[in-house]
Amino acid sequence: MTKPLPAAASPSCLTAADFAVLRLSGADATRGLQGQLTCDVAALPPGATTPGAALTNKGRAFALFWLLKLAEESYVFVLNQGLGAVLTAQLRQYLPFYKCRFSDACDGAMLLCVGAAPVAPTAATVVTLGTAPLATLLWLPCEAALAPLTAAFAPGSAERWLADALWLGHFPFALEDVERYTPQELRLDQHGYVSYEKGCYTGQEIVARMHYRGTVKKHLCRLEFDELETASGVTLHDASGHEIGSVFKALPLGAARWRALAFLPVEALNTAALPQASAGRLYACAPL
């Protein structure tokens, strides 16, 4: 029921303008984040990155991000547009107890290179995000250092980057998703967002209970369509014609092609046959 992710047609680049980028630094940055995020911040070495989430007390995600550790007690969050204010507003409830602070001025420049990785200057911090050909993140000391790199790449599309990331298991979290889903519903525990070995953090009790005691009845599934002009309102049916789910988030690939998400019953995935779509042609379906 799955198919390989197509290789990127050509390398392209995204800058910080395509995402929300925040820096958190201070003597207690690691300790402050360790008690708030699902990922194991304390285990992250300088120059490394991890996907992560921040949750409410009820275990619902209000932000997903990539967390880059620049140096000891210095971190950079890379989030989808619009989520920077949500993250800072929530975490600032707790950070006054720690010696650290957020800053929009990150004292550097970010470049996301989609496809083949560039030859990076020696001053750059280079991090691979996910599995190729998703992206390589370069953190450079200044904006001027971007010029020779961006000249070698075509401008990219944040929407297409998110569509490729979706196919690799990364939910395209946006403002409308804030506080709607638990990590397990978005299958974050399957893609490195959640550590079950670290200590307590906000929402951890709910996450642990669902992990050890929960019974999964539906999976969040990634879908790929063609011959589809719009993904809005598309429903999915089993072989008997019964409706089993509907598309609730979709990203265009162009030429009437889409990548999309739907919650489907587990039993619907235990068959070789694809679900039937009310529009277009569904040709790939697998758990996120």
Protein backbone atom coordinates (compact mmCIF):
# COMPACT_ATOMS: atom_id res chain seq x y z
CA MET A 1 0.00 0.00 0.00
CA THR A 2 3.00 2.28 0.07
CA LYS A 3 5.27 3.72 -2.58
CA PRO A 4 8.72 5.36 -2.34
CA LEU A 5 9.01 9.11 -1.99
CA PRO A 6 10.04 10.58 -5.35
CA ALA A 7 13.49 12.17 -5.40
CA ALA A 8 13.59 15.95 -5.36
CA ALA A 9 13.62 17.26 -8.93
CA SER A 10 16.41 19.71 -8.19
CA PRO A 11 18.03 21.24 -5.09
CA SER A 12 16.27 24.30 -3.74
CA CYS A 13 16.54 26.40 -0.61
CA LEU A 14 14.31 27.98 2.02
CA THR A 15 15.33 30.75 4.38
CA ALA A 16 14.11 31.75 7.84
CA ALA A 17 11.42 33.86 6.15
CA ASP A 18 9.63 30.63 5.22
CA PHE A 19 9.45 29.40 8.83
CA ALA A 20 9.35 30.70 12.39
CA VAL A 21 12.82 30.69 13.95
CA LEU A 22 13.40 31.38 17.65
CA ARG A 23 16.45 31.22 19.87
CA LEU A 24 16.46 30.29 23.54
CA SER A 25 19.62 30.76 25.57
CA GLY A 26 20.78 31.23 29.14
CA ALA A 27 22.43 29.35 31.98
CA ASP A 28 19.33 27.19 32.64
CA ALA A 29 18.10 26.71 29.06
CA THR A 30 18.62 22.94 29.02
CA ARG A 31 16.96 22.39 32.39
CA GLY A 32 14.06 24.66 31.50
CA LEU A 33 13.36 22.92 28.18
CA GLN A 34 13.85 19.42 29.56
CA GLY A 35 10.82 19.91 31.81
CA GLN A 36 8.60 21.22 28.99
CA LEU A 37 9.35 19.30 25.78
CA THR A 38 8.67 15.71 24.71
CA CYS A 39 12.19 15.23 23.32
CA ASP A 40 15.27 14.53 25.45
CA VAL A 41 16.95 17.94 25.41
CA ALA A 42 19.64 16.96 27.95
CA ALA A 43 20.89 14.16 25.66
CA LEU A 44 21.33 16.46 22.64
CA PRO A 45 24.98 17.28 21.83
CA PRO A 46 25.98 20.66 20.34
CA GLY A 47 25.43 20.75 16.59
CA ALA A 48 22.69 18.12 16.70
CA THR A 49 18.95 18.38 16.23
CA THR A 50 15.79 16.52 17.15
CA PRO A 51 12.10 16.83 16.33
CA GLY A 52 10.01 17.63 19.37
CA ALA A 53 6.67 18.83 20.67
CA ALA A 54 5.37 21.02 23.49
CA LEU A 55 2.17 19.92 25.24
CA THR A 56 -0.52 21.28 27.50
CA ASN A 57 -1.23 19.72 30.90
CA LYS A 58 -3.87 17.60 29.15
CA GLY A 59 -1.25 16.13 26.83
CA ARG A 60 -2.30 17.97 23.68
CA ALA A 61 0.29 19.44 21.35
CA PHE A 62 0.42 23.21 20.90
CA ALA A 63 3.63 23.21 18.82
CA LEU A 64 5.81 20.83 16.80
CA PHE A 65 9.33 21.87 15.85
CA TRP A 66 12.91 20.96 15.04
CA LEU A 67 15.21 21.83 17.94
CA LEU A 68 18.84 22.60 17.09
CA LYS A 69 21.43 22.81 19.86
CA LEU A 70 23.89 25.47 18.71
CA ALA A 71 26.13 25.30 21.78
CA GLU A 72 25.88 24.62 25.49
CA GLU A 73 22.70 26.32 26.78
CA SER A 74 21.88 27.77 23.35
CA TYR A 75 19.02 26.39 21.23
CA VAL A 76 17.17 27.26 18.03
CA PHE A 77 13.56 26.28 17.33
CA VAL A 78 12.45 25.91 13.70
CA LEU A 79 8.64 25.87 13.44
CA ASN A 80 5.98 26.33 10.81
CA GLN A 81 4.89 29.92 10.26
CA GLY A 82 2.59 31.35 12.90
CA LEU A 83 3.63 28.97 15.69
CA GLY A 84 6.48 31.03 17.14
CA ALA A 85 4.12 33.26 19.13
CA VAL A 86 2.16 30.23 20.39
CA LEU A 87 5.32 28.49 21.63
CA THR A 88 6.76 31.54 23.38
CA ALA A 89 3.43 32.46 25.01
CA GLN A 90 3.06 28.98 26.49
CA LEU A 91 6.66 28.41 27.59
CA ARG A 92 7.01 31.87 29.14
CA GLN A 93 4.66 30.67 31.88
CA TYR A 94 7.48 28.42 33.12
CA LEU A 95 10.73 30.01 31.97
CA PRO A 96 10.75 32.82 34.60
CA PHE A 97 11.86 30.08 37.02
CA TYR A 98 15.00 29.53 34.91
CA LYS A 99 17.84 31.75 33.75
CA CYS A 100 17.07 31.76 30.02
CA ARG A 101 15.12 33.81 27.52
CA PHE A 102 13.71 33.76 24.00
CA SER A 103 15.03 36.02 21.28
CA ASP A 104 13.88 36.71 17.73
CA ALA A 105 17.38 38.00 16.96
CA CYS A 106 19.19 34.70 16.55
CA ASP A 107 22.64 36.16 15.76
CA GLY A 108 22.86 34.06 12.64
CA ALA A 109 21.12 32.99 9.46
CA MET A 110 19.28 29.81 8.57
CA LEU A 111 19.15 28.04 5.23
CA LEU A 112 17.10 24.90 4.58
CA CYS A 113 18.46 23.13 1.52
CA VAL A 114 15.96 20.71 0.01
CA GLY A 115 17.52 17.91 -1.99
CA ALA A 116 21.28 17.63 -2.39
CA ALA A 117 23.28 19.16 0.45
CA PRO A 118 25.52 22.11 -0.48
CA VAL A 119 29.19 22.48 0.25
CA ALA A 120 28.97 24.42 3.49
CA PRO A 121 31.42 27.07 4.71
CA THR A 122 33.54 25.97 7.64
CA ALA A 123 31.74 28.38 9.99
CA ALA A 124 28.35 26.77 9.37
CA THR A 125 26.57 24.33 11.64
CA VAL A 126 25.21 21.59 9.34
CA VAL A 127 22.32 19.36 10.41
CA THR A 128 20.38 16.79 8.39
CA LEU A 129 16.64 16.98 9.06
CA GLY A 130 14.96 13.63 8.62
CA THR A 131 15.81 11.26 5.79
CA ALA A 132 17.18 12.41 2.44
CA PRO A 133 15.92 14.02 0.30
CA LEU A 134 14.03 15.99 2.97
CA ALA A 135 16.45 18.77 3.93
CA THR A 136 19.75 19.89 5.33
CA LEU A 137 19.74 22.81 7.75
CA LEU A 138 22.68 25.21 7.73
CA TRP A 139 23.10 27.67 10.59
CA LEU A 140 25.47 30.42 9.47
CA PRO A 141 27.09 33.17 11.58
CA CYS A 142 25.61 36.06 9.57
CA GLU A 143 23.21 36.96 6.76
CA ALA A 144 26.09 37.84 4.43
CA ALA A 145 27.23 34.21 4.48
CA LEU A 146 23.97 33.20 2.77
CA ALA A 147 24.63 34.99 -0.51
CA PRO A 148 27.07 32.55 -2.17
CA LEU A 149 24.89 29.59 -1.13
CA THR A 150 21.48 30.91 -2.17
CA ALA A 151 22.93 31.87 -5.58
CA ALA A 152 23.52 28.16 -6.28
CA PHE A 153 19.97 27.08 -5.39
CA ALA A 154 16.55 27.81 -6.81
CA PRO A 155 14.08 29.38 -4.37
CA GLY A 156 12.07 26.61 -2.75
CA SER A 157 8.49 26.23 -1.58
CA ALA A 158 7.75 25.76 2.10
CA GLU A 159 4.50 24.06 1.08
CA ARG A 160 6.37 21.48 -1.05
CA TRP A 161 8.91 20.94 1.76
CA LEU A 162 6.04 20.19 4.13
CA ALA A 163 4.49 17.82 1.59
CA ASP A 164 7.75 15.85 1.35
CA ALA A 165 8.14 15.94 5.14
CA LEU A 166 4.59 14.58 5.48
CA TRP A 167 5.49 11.56 3.36
CA LEU A 168 8.44 10.90 5.69
CA GLY A 169 6.21 10.96 8.77
CA HIS A 170 6.21 14.59 9.89
CA PHE A 171 2.78 16.11 10.50
CA PRO A 172 2.43 19.59 8.88
CA PHE A 173 1.37 21.24 12.13
CA ALA A 174 -0.34 24.63 11.74
CA LEU A 175 -2.27 27.13 13.88
CA GLU A 176 -5.55 25.28 13.36
CA ASP A 177 -3.98 22.17 14.94
CA VAL A 178 -3.03 23.80 18.25
CA GLU A 179 -4.31 21.78 21.25
CA ARG A 180 -6.32 19.38 19.06
CA TYR A 181 -4.18 16.24 19.09
CA THR A 182 -2.16 14.04 21.40
CA PRO A 183 1.32 12.87 20.29
CA GLN A 184 0.03 9.34 19.69
CA GLU A 185 -2.77 10.58 17.42
CA LEU A 186 -0.15 12.29 15.25
CA ARG A 187 2.18 9.25 15.58
CA LEU A 188 4.92 11.50 16.94
CA ASP A 189 6.20 8.62 19.07
CA GLN A 190 6.96 6.72 15.84
CA HIS A 191 9.19 9.46 14.44
CA GLY A 192 11.52 10.52 17.25
CA TYR A 193 9.49 13.35 18.79
CA VAL A 194 8.85 11.62 22.11
CA SER A 195 11.33 10.16 24.60
CA TYR A 196 9.98 7.61 27.06
CA GLU A 197 13.30 7.44 28.92
CA LYS A 198 13.61 11.07 30.03
CA GLY A 199 12.12 12.51 33.21
CA CYS A 200 8.84 14.32 33.71
CA TYR A 201 7.61 17.12 31.46
CA THR A 202 4.32 18.92 31.02
CA GLY A 203 1.75 16.46 29.63
CA GLN A 204 4.04 13.45 30.20
CA GLU A 205 1.58 11.54 32.39
CA ILE A 206 -1.06 11.52 29.66
CA VAL A 207 1.47 10.50 27.00
CA ALA A 208 2.82 7.64 29.12
CA ARG A 209 -0.65 6.35 29.99
CA MET A 210 -1.67 6.22 26.34
CA HIS A 211 1.61 4.55 25.40
CA TYR A 212 1.44 1.77 27.95
CA ARG A 213 -2.32 1.28 28.28
CA GLY A 214 -3.91 2.74 25.17
CA THR A 215 -5.60 0.68 22.44
CA VAL A 216 -5.26 2.10 18.93
CA LYS A 217 -8.45 1.87 16.86
CA LYS A 218 -7.50 4.34 14.13
CA HIS A 219 -4.23 5.31 12.49
CA LEU A 220 -3.36 8.68 11.02
CA CYS A 221 -2.57 7.77 7.42
CA ARG A 222 -0.68 9.52 4.63
CA LEU A 223 -2.34 9.40 1.23
CA GLU A 224 -1.30 10.34 -2.25
CA PHE A 225 -3.77 11.22 -5.00
CA ASP A 226 -3.67 12.18 -8.64
CA GLU A 227 -6.44 13.16 -11.07
CA LEU A 228 -7.79 15.35 -8.24
CA GLU A 229 -8.50 19.06 -8.65
CA THR A 230 -9.23 19.73 -4.96
CA ALA A 231 -8.81 17.51 -1.91
CA SER A 232 -11.55 19.29 0.03
CA GLY A 233 -14.44 16.99 0.92
CA VAL A 234 -12.84 13.76 -0.31
CA THR A 235 -14.13 10.74 1.62
CA LEU A 236 -12.74 7.20 1.78
CA HIS A 237 -14.71 3.95 1.69
CA ASP A 238 -14.02 0.26 2.23
CA ALA A 239 -14.71 -2.49 -0.32
CA SER A 240 -18.36 -2.64 0.83
CA GLY A 241 -18.85 1.09 0.21
CA HIS A 242 -18.98 2.09 3.88
CA GLU A 243 -17.36 5.43 4.68
CA ILE A 244 -14.28 4.88 6.85
CA GLY A 245 -12.67 8.34 6.89
CA SER A 246 -12.15 11.66 5.13
CA VAL A 247 -9.27 13.89 4.12
CA PHE A 248 -8.71 16.63 6.71
CA LYS A 249 -5.37 18.08 5.63
CA ALA A 250 -3.86 18.18 2.15
CA LEU A 251 -0.86 19.73 0.40
CA PRO A 252 -0.71 20.20 -3.39
CA LEU A 253 2.07 18.72 -5.51
CA GLY A 254 0.89 20.28 -8.77
CA ALA A 255 -0.63 18.69 -11.90
CA ALA A 256 -3.74 17.53 -9.95
CA ARG A 257 -1.58 15.61 -7.43
CA TRP A 258 -1.93 15.85 -3.64
CA ARG A 259 -0.47 14.46 -0.45
CA ALA A 260 -3.04 14.25 2.30
CA LEU A 261 -3.92 12.86 5.73
CA ALA A 262 -6.91 10.94 7.09
CA PHE A 263 -7.72 8.90 10.20
CA LEU A 264 -8.56 5.34 9.12
CA PRO A 265 -9.57 2.23 11.09
CA VAL A 266 -6.68 -0.16 11.77
CA GLU A 267 -8.55 -3.03 10.09
CA ALA A 268 -8.77 -1.02 6.86
CA LEU A 269 -4.97 -1.08 6.67
CA ASN A 270 -4.70 -4.84 7.18
CA THR A 271 -5.67 -5.54 3.60
CA ALA A 272 -3.80 -5.35 0.32
CA ALA A 273 -6.58 -3.29 -1.26
CA LEU A 274 -6.50 0.50 -1.11
CA PRO A 275 -9.54 2.36 0.25
CA GLN A 276 -11.85 3.75 -2.40
CA ALA A 277 -11.85 7.54 -2.80
CA SER A 278 -14.93 9.64 -3.59
CA ALA A 279 -12.86 11.73 -6.03
CA GLY A 280 -9.56 11.44 -7.83
CA ARG A 281 -7.36 8.35 -7.85
CA LEU A 282 -5.83 7.21 -4.56
CA TYR A 283 -2.64 5.32 -5.36
CA ALA A 284 -0.74 5.22 -2.04
CA CYS A 285 -1.85 4.82 1.57
CA ALA A 286 0.15 3.99 4.72
CA PRO A 287 0.24 4.92 8.42
CA LEU A 288 2.03 8.24 8.98
